[in-house]
PDB file of N, CA and C in Angstrom:
ATOM      1  N   MET A   1      66.767 117.643 -74.539  1.00  0.00           N
ATOM      2  CA  MET A   1      68.226 118.045 -74.570  1.00  0.00           C
ATOM      3  C   MET A   1      68.583 119.115 -73.558  1.00  0.00           C
ATOM      4  N   GLN A   2      69.693 119.218 -73.472  1.00  0.00           N
ATOM      5  CA  GLN A   2      70.110 120.126 -72.264  1.00  0.00           C
ATOM      6  C   GLN A   2      69.968 121.689 -72.751  1.00  0.00           C
ATOM      7  N   THR A   3      69.622 122.561 -71.903  1.00  0.00           N
ATOM      8  CA  THR A   3      69.316 123.931 -72.272  1.00  0.00           C
ATOM      9  C   THR A   3      70.399 124.682 -72.374  1.00  0.00           C
ATOM     10  N   GLN A   4      71.786 124.165 -71.735  1.00  0.00           N
ATOM     11  CA  GLN A   4      72.892 125.052 -71.537  1.00  0.00           C
ATOM     12  C   GLN A   4      73.770 124.697 -72.670  1.00  0.00           C
ATOM     13  N   LYS A   5      74.579 125.342 -73.428  1.00  0.00           N
ATOM     14  CA  LYS A   5      75.332 124.866 -74.300  1.00  0.00           C
ATOM     15  C   LYS A   5      76.253 123.944 -74.019  1.00  0.00           C
ATOM     16  N   ILE A   6      76.463 123.121 -75.125  1.00  0.00           N
ATOM     17  CA  ILE A   6      77.400 121.767 -74.892  1.00  0.00           C
ATOM     18  C   ILE A   6      78.634 122.199 -75.497  1.00  0.00           C
ATOM     19  N   ASP A   7      79.687 121.565 -75.206  1.00  0.00           N
ATOM     20  CA  ASP A   7      81.244 121.302 -75.776  1.00  0.00           C
ATOM     21  C   ASP A   7      81.105 120.775 -77.295  1.00  0.00           C
ATOM     22  N   ASN A   8      81.586 121.505 -78.277  1.00  0.00           N
ATOM     23  CA  ASN A   8      81.560 120.786 -79.575  1.00  0.00           C
ATOM     24  C   ASN A   8      82.446 119.565 -79.272  1.00  0.00           C
ATOM     25  N   LYS A   9      83.269 119.404 -77.961  1.00  0.00           N
ATOM     26  CA  LYS A   9      84.040 117.938 -78.240  1.00  0.00           C
ATOM     27  C   LYS A   9      83.382 116.915 -77.460  1.00  0.00           C
ATOM     28  N   GLN A  10      82.100 117.101 -76.982  1.00  0.00           N
ATOM     29  CA  GLN A  10      81.397 115.852 -76.629  1.00  0.00           C
ATOM     30  C   GLN A  10      81.049 115.012 -77.630  1.00  0.00           C
ATOM     31  N   ARG A  11      81.277 114.043 -77.635  1.00  0.00           N
ATOM     32  CA  ARG A  11      80.731 112.856 -78.446  1.00  0.00           C
ATOM     33  C   ARG A  11      80.004 112.146 -78.598  1.00  0.00           C
ATOM     34  N   HIS A  12      79.326 112.030 -77.588  1.00  0.00           N
ATOM     35  CA  HIS A  12      77.896 111.173 -77.535  1.00  0.00           C
ATOM     36  C   HIS A  12      76.882 111.850 -76.859  1.00  0.00           C
ATOM     37  N   ILE A  13      75.710 111.989 -77.755  1.00  0.00           N
ATOM     38  CA  ILE A  13      74.629 113.007 -77.205  1.00  0.00           C
ATOM     39  C   ILE A  13      73.087 112.121 -77.072  1.00  0.00           C
ATOM     40  N   GLU A  14      72.486 112.169 -76.038  1.00  0.00           N
ATOM     41  CA  GLU A  14      71.545 111.183 -76.084  1.00  0.00           C
ATOM     42  C   GLU A  14      70.119 112.429 -76.301  1.00  0.00           C
ATOM     43  N   VAL A  15      69.285 112.290 -77.107  1.00  0.00           N
ATOM     44  CA  VAL A  15      68.291 112.870 -77.719  1.00  0.00           C
ATOM     45  C   VAL A  15      66.991 112.252 -77.568  1.00  0.00           C
ATOM     46  N   THR A  16      65.912 112.995 -77.389  1.00  0.00           N
ATOM     47  CA  THR A  16      64.417 112.625 -77.358  1.00  0.00           C
ATOM     48  C   THR A  16      63.905 112.798 -78.541  1.00  0.00           C
ATOM     49  N   ALA A  17      62.336 112.276 -78.516  1.00  0.00           N
ATOM     50  CA  ALA A  17      61.622 112.419 -79.617  1.00  0.00           C
ATOM     51  C   ALA A  17      61.452 114.026 -79.907  1.00  0.00           C
ATOM     52  N   ALA A  18      61.356 114.698 -78.739  1.00  0.00           N
ATOM     53  CA  ALA A  18      61.203 116.284 -79.017  1.00  0.00           C
ATOM     54  C   ALA A  18      62.225 117.015 -79.771  1.00  0.00           C
ATOM     55  N   ASP A  19      63.133 116.242 -79.798  1.00  0.00           N
ATOM     56  CA  ASP A  19      64.555 116.925 -80.552  1.00  0.00           C
ATOM     57  C   ASP A  19      64.496 116.578 -82.177  1.00  0.00           C
ATOM     58  N   LEU A  20      63.461 115.777 -82.551  1.00  0.00           N
ATOM     59  CA  LEU A  20      63.400 115.436 -84.107  1.00  0.00           C
ATOM     60  C   LEU A  20      62.743 116.428 -84.788  1.00  0.00           C
ATOM     61  N   PRO A  21      63.240 116.742 -86.235  1.00  0.00           N
ATOM     62  CA  PRO A  21      64.106 115.987 -86.775  1.00  0.00           C
ATOM     63  C   PRO A  21      65.653 116.344 -86.204  1.00  0.00           C
ATOM     64  N   LEU A  22      66.224 115.648 -86.193  1.00  0.00           N
ATOM     65  CA  LEU A  22      67.866 115.784 -85.754  1.00  0.00           C
ATOM     66  C   LEU A  22      68.710 116.104 -86.520  1.00  0.00           C
ATOM     67  N   HIS A  23      69.465 117.247 -86.251  1.00  0.00           N
ATOM     68  CA  HIS A  23      70.598 117.808 -87.078  1.00  0.00           C
ATOM     69  C   HIS A  23      71.732 118.087 -85.923  1.00  0.00           C
ATOM     70  N   CYS A  24      72.889 117.953 -86.697  1.00  0.00           N
ATOM     71  CA  CYS A  24      74.091 118.508 -85.884  1.00  0.00           C
ATOM     72  C   CYS A  24      74.638 119.512 -86.838  1.00  0.00           C
ATOM     73  N   PRO A  25      75.271 120.487 -86.185  1.00  0.00           N
ATOM     74  CA  PRO A  25      75.158 120.817 -84.896  1.00  0.00           C
ATOM     75  C   PRO A  25      73.967 121.116 -84.184  1.00  0.00           C
ATOM     76  N   THR A  26      73.602 120.838 -83.005  1.00  0.00           N
ATOM     77  CA  THR A  26      72.205 121.046 -82.477  1.00  0.00           C
ATOM     78  C   THR A  26      72.285 122.587 -81.928  1.00  0.00           C
ATOM     79  N   PRO A  27      71.076 123.128 -81.702  1.00  0.00           N
ATOM     80  CA  PRO A  27      70.795 124.401 -80.993  1.00  0.00           C
ATOM     81  C   PRO A  27      71.789 124.437 -79.651  1.00  0.00           C
ATOM     82  N   ALA A  28      71.693 123.697 -79.070  1.00  0.00           N
ATOM     83  CA  ALA A  28      72.593 123.624 -77.999  1.00  0.00           C
ATOM     84  C   ALA A  28      74.144 123.581 -78.028  1.00  0.00           C
ATOM     85  N   THR A  29      74.769 123.357 -79.175  1.00  0.00           N
ATOM     86  CA  THR A  29      75.941 123.216 -79.453  1.00  0.00           C
ATOM     87  C   THR A  29      76.665 124.622 -79.529  1.00  0.00           C
ATOM     88  N   ALA A  30      77.765 124.714 -78.758  1.00  0.00           N
ATOM     89  CA  ALA A  30      78.760 126.242 -78.872  1.00  0.00           C
ATOM     90  C   ALA A  30      78.921 126.429 -80.731  1.00  0.00           C
ATOM     91  N   LEU A  31      78.552 127.687 -81.143  1.00  0.00           N
ATOM     92  CA  LEU A  31      78.537 127.574 -82.270  1.00  0.00           C
ATOM     93  C   LEU A  31      80.084 128.225 -82.995  1.00  0.00           C
ATOM     94  N   TRP A  32      81.023 128.344 -82.161  1.00  0.00           N
ATOM     95  CA  TRP A  32      81.939 128.980 -82.449  1.00  0.00           C
ATOM     96  C   TRP A  32      83.006 128.105 -83.607  1.00  0.00           C
ATOM     97  N   ASN A  33      82.964 126.889 -83.477  1.00  0.00           N
ATOM     98  CA  ASN A  33      83.462 126.022 -84.019  1.00  0.00           C
ATOM     99  C   ASN A  33      82.882 124.902 -84.858  1.00  0.00           C
ATOM    100  N   ALA A  34      81.478 125.391 -85.183  1.00  0.00           N
ATOM    101  CA  ALA A  34      80.498 124.419 -85.662  1.00  0.00           C
ATOM    102  C   ALA A  34      81.045 124.118 -87.161  1.00  0.00           C
ATOM    103  N   HIS A  35      80.255 122.855 -87.851  1.00  0.00           N
ATOM    104  CA  HIS A  35      80.225 122.788 -89.022  1.00  0.00           C
ATOM    105  C   HIS A  35      78.975 122.891 -89.912  1.00  0.00           C
ATOM    106  N   PRO A  36      78.662 122.572 -91.078  1.00  0.00           N
ATOM    107  CA  PRO A  36      77.408 123.115 -91.733  1.00  0.00           C
ATOM    108  C   PRO A  36      76.355 122.075 -91.151  1.00  0.00           C
ATOM    109  N   ARG A  37      75.285 122.525 -91.139  1.00  0.00           N
ATOM    110  CA  ARG A  37      74.039 121.912 -90.479  1.00  0.00           C
ATOM    111  C   ARG A  37      73.858 120.473 -91.358  1.00  0.00           C
ATOM    112  N   VAL A  38      73.769 119.564 -90.660  1.00  0.00           N
ATOM    113  CA  VAL A  38      73.467 118.203 -91.478  1.00  0.00           C
ATOM    114  C   VAL A  38      72.532 117.447 -90.809  1.00  0.00           C
ATOM    115  N   PHE A  39      71.439 117.017 -91.483  1.00  0.00           N
ATOM    116  CA  PHE A  39      70.046 116.277 -90.748  1.00  0.00           C
ATOM    117  C   PHE A  39      70.695 114.883 -90.604  1.00  0.00           C
ATOM    118  N   LEU A  40      70.427 114.266 -89.690  1.00  0.00           N
ATOM    119  CA  LEU A  40      70.602 112.885 -89.338  1.00  0.00           C
ATOM    120  C   LEU A  40      69.339 112.054 -89.254  1.00  0.00           C
ATOM    121  N   PRO A  41      69.423 110.808 -89.984  1.00  0.00           N
ATOM    122  CA  PRO A  41      68.253 109.887 -89.744  1.00  0.00           C
ATOM    123  C   PRO A  41      68.296 108.891 -88.460  1.00  0.00           C
ATOM    124  N   ILE A  42      67.940 109.325 -87.322  1.00  0.00           N
ATOM    125  CA  ILE A  42      67.859 108.516 -86.161  1.00  0.00           C
ATOM    126  C   ILE A  42      66.706 107.673 -85.895  1.00  0.00           C
ATOM    127  N   GLU A  43      65.618 108.016 -86.469  1.00  0.00           N
ATOM    128  CA  GLU A  43      64.149 107.241 -86.261  1.00  0.00           C
ATOM    129  C   GLU A  43      64.280 105.721 -86.244  1.00  0.00           C
ATOM    130  N   ASN A  44      64.966 105.219 -87.629  1.00  0.00           N
ATOM    131  CA  ASN A  44      64.663 103.604 -87.856  1.00  0.00           C
ATOM    132  C   ASN A  44      65.568 103.061 -86.882  1.00  0.00           C
ATOM    133  N   SER A  45      66.926 103.633 -86.743  1.00  0.00           N
ATOM    134  CA  SER A  45      67.600 102.563 -85.722  1.00  0.00           C
ATOM    135  C   SER A  45      67.834 103.030 -84.455  1.00  0.00           C
ATOM    136  N   GLY A  46      67.579 104.303 -84.242  1.00  0.00           N
ATOM    137  CA  GLY A  46      67.427 104.716 -82.948  1.00  0.00           C
ATOM    138  C   GLY A  46      69.174 105.132 -82.458  1.00  0.00           C
ATOM    139  N   GLU A  47      70.031 105.310 -83.473  1.00  0.00           N
ATOM    140  CA  GLU A  47      71.300 105.918 -83.349  1.00  0.00           C
ATOM    141  C   GLU A  47      71.807 106.461 -84.941  1.00  0.00           C
ATOM    142  N   ALA A  48      72.659 107.567 -84.538  1.00  0.00           N
ATOM    143  CA  ALA A  48      72.883 108.322 -85.708  1.00  0.00           C
ATOM    144  C   ALA A  48      74.574 108.675 -85.678  1.00  0.00           C
ATOM    145  N   LEU A  49      75.551 108.915 -86.692  1.00  0.00           N
ATOM    146  CA  LEU A  49      76.623 109.351 -86.426  1.00  0.00           C
ATOM    147  C   LEU A  49      77.028 110.562 -87.543  1.00  0.00           C
ATOM    148  N   CYS A  50      77.459 111.679 -86.704  1.00  0.00           N
ATOM    149  CA  CYS A  50      77.595 112.940 -87.596  1.00  0.00           C
ATOM    150  C   CYS A  50      78.750 112.569 -88.779  1.00  0.00           C
ATOM    151  N   PRO A  51      78.513 113.032 -89.900  1.00  0.00           N
ATOM    152  CA  PRO A  51      79.664 112.631 -90.907  1.00  0.00           C
ATOM    153  C   PRO A  51      80.791 113.425 -90.806  1.00  0.00           C
ATOM    154  N   TYR A  52      80.564 114.675 -90.005  1.00  0.00           N
ATOM    155  CA  TYR A  52      81.468 115.939 -89.852  1.00  0.00           C
ATOM    156  C   TYR A  52      82.227 115.739 -88.802  1.00  0.00           C
ATOM    157  N   CYS A  53      81.559 115.573 -87.683  1.00  0.00           N
ATOM    158  CA  CYS A  53      82.315 115.718 -86.354  1.00  0.00           C
ATOM    159  C   CYS A  53      82.477 114.582 -85.709  1.00  0.00           C
ATOM    160  N   GLY A  54      81.766 113.568 -85.896  1.00  0.00           N
ATOM    161  CA  GLY A  54      82.021 112.135 -85.509  1.00  0.00           C
ATOM    162  C   GLY A  54      80.831 112.059 -84.291  1.00  0.00           C
ATOM    163  N   THR A  55      80.164 112.865 -83.887  1.00  0.00           N
ATOM    164  CA  THR A  55      79.353 112.775 -82.606  1.00  0.00           C
ATOM    165  C   THR A  55      78.332 111.596 -82.676  1.00  0.00           C
ATOM    166  N   ARG A  56      78.156 110.881 -81.880  1.00  0.00           N
ATOM    167  CA  ARG A  56      77.035 109.732 -81.909  1.00  0.00           C
ATOM    168  C   ARG A  56      76.074 110.212 -80.986  1.00  0.00           C
ATOM    169  N   TYR A  57      74.761 110.094 -81.668  1.00  0.00           N
ATOM    170  CA  TYR A  57      73.863 110.376 -81.308  1.00  0.00           C
ATOM    171  C   TYR A  57      72.790 109.046 -80.932  1.00  0.00           C
ATOM    172  N   THR A  58      71.920 109.196 -79.758  1.00  0.00           N
ATOM    173  CA  THR A  58      71.401 107.818 -79.669  1.00  0.00           C
ATOM    174  C   THR A  58      69.798 108.502 -79.212  1.00  0.00           C
ATOM    175  N   LEU A  59      68.861 108.043 -79.607  1.00  0.00           N
ATOM    176  CA  LEU A  59      67.456 108.426 -79.343  1.00  0.00           C
ATOM    177  C   LEU A  59      67.096 107.617 -77.977  1.00  0.00           C
ATOM    178  N   LYS A  60      66.618 108.275 -77.057  1.00  0.00           N
ATOM    179  CA  LYS A  60      66.200 107.829 -75.875  1.00  0.00           C
ATOM    180  C   LYS A  60      65.175 106.969 -76.028  1.00  0.00           C
ATOM    181  N   GLY A  61      65.022 105.915 -75.549  1.00  0.00           N
ATOM    182  CA  GLY A  61      63.790 105.046 -75.840  1.00  0.00           C
ATOM    183  C   GLY A  61      64.058 103.982 -77.190  1.00  0.00           C
ATOM    184  N   GLY A  62      65.130 104.121 -77.994  1.00  0.00           N
ATOM    185  CA  GLY A  62      65.448 103.470 -78.920  1.00  0.00           C
ATOM    186  C   GLY A  62      64.667 104.016 -80.241  1.00  0.00           C
ATOM    187  N   ALA A  63      64.572 103.128 -81.358  1.00  0.00           N
ATOM    188  CA  ALA A  63      63.815 103.501 -82.605  1.00  0.00           C
ATOM    189  C   ALA A  63      62.416 103.671 -82.469  1.00  0.00           C
ATOM    190  N   ALA A  64      61.909 104.709 -83.097  1.00  0.00           N
ATOM    191  CA  ALA A  64      60.524 104.651 -83.116  1.00  0.00           C
ATOM    192  C   ALA A  64      59.774 103.744 -83.787  1.00  0.00           C
ATOM    193  N   ALA A  65      58.724 103.145 -83.142  1.00  0.00           N
ATOM    194  CA  ALA A  65      57.668 102.408 -83.944  1.00  0.00           C
ATOM    195  C   ALA A  65      57.151 103.039 -85.279  1.00  0.00           C
ATOM    196  N   HIS A  66      56.882 102.324 -86.232  1.00  0.00           N
ATOM    197  CA  HIS A  66      56.203 102.807 -87.299  1.00  0.00           C
ATOM    198  C   HIS A  66      54.982 102.091 -87.591  1.00  0.00           C
ATOM    199  N   GLY A  67      54.078 102.716 -88.054  1.00  0.00           N
ATOM    200  CA  GLY A  67      52.737 102.143 -88.065  1.00  0.00           C
ATOM    201  C   GLY A  67      51.714 103.093 -89.064  1.00  0.00           C
ATOM    202  N   HIS A  68      50.761 102.581 -89.820  1.00  0.00           N
ATOM    203  CA  HIS A  68      50.003 103.420 -90.478  1.00  0.00           C
ATOM    204  C   HIS A  68      48.578 103.590 -89.743  1.00  0.00           C
TER     205      HIS A  68
END
């Protein structure tokens, strides 16, 4: 993710496996108008939508492979 603060109006954010577990708002979000933190399940589908602000997150490289 980016190291600089991102505007809360940005509606699409690409994340990497290093950003998991994913939550919104992210640490890079300007917090002055943030909503409560919510964890988003992105690993299975490669996409998640925040129910509070509508930001769409996509996992770079797509959904994670699962195996035992």
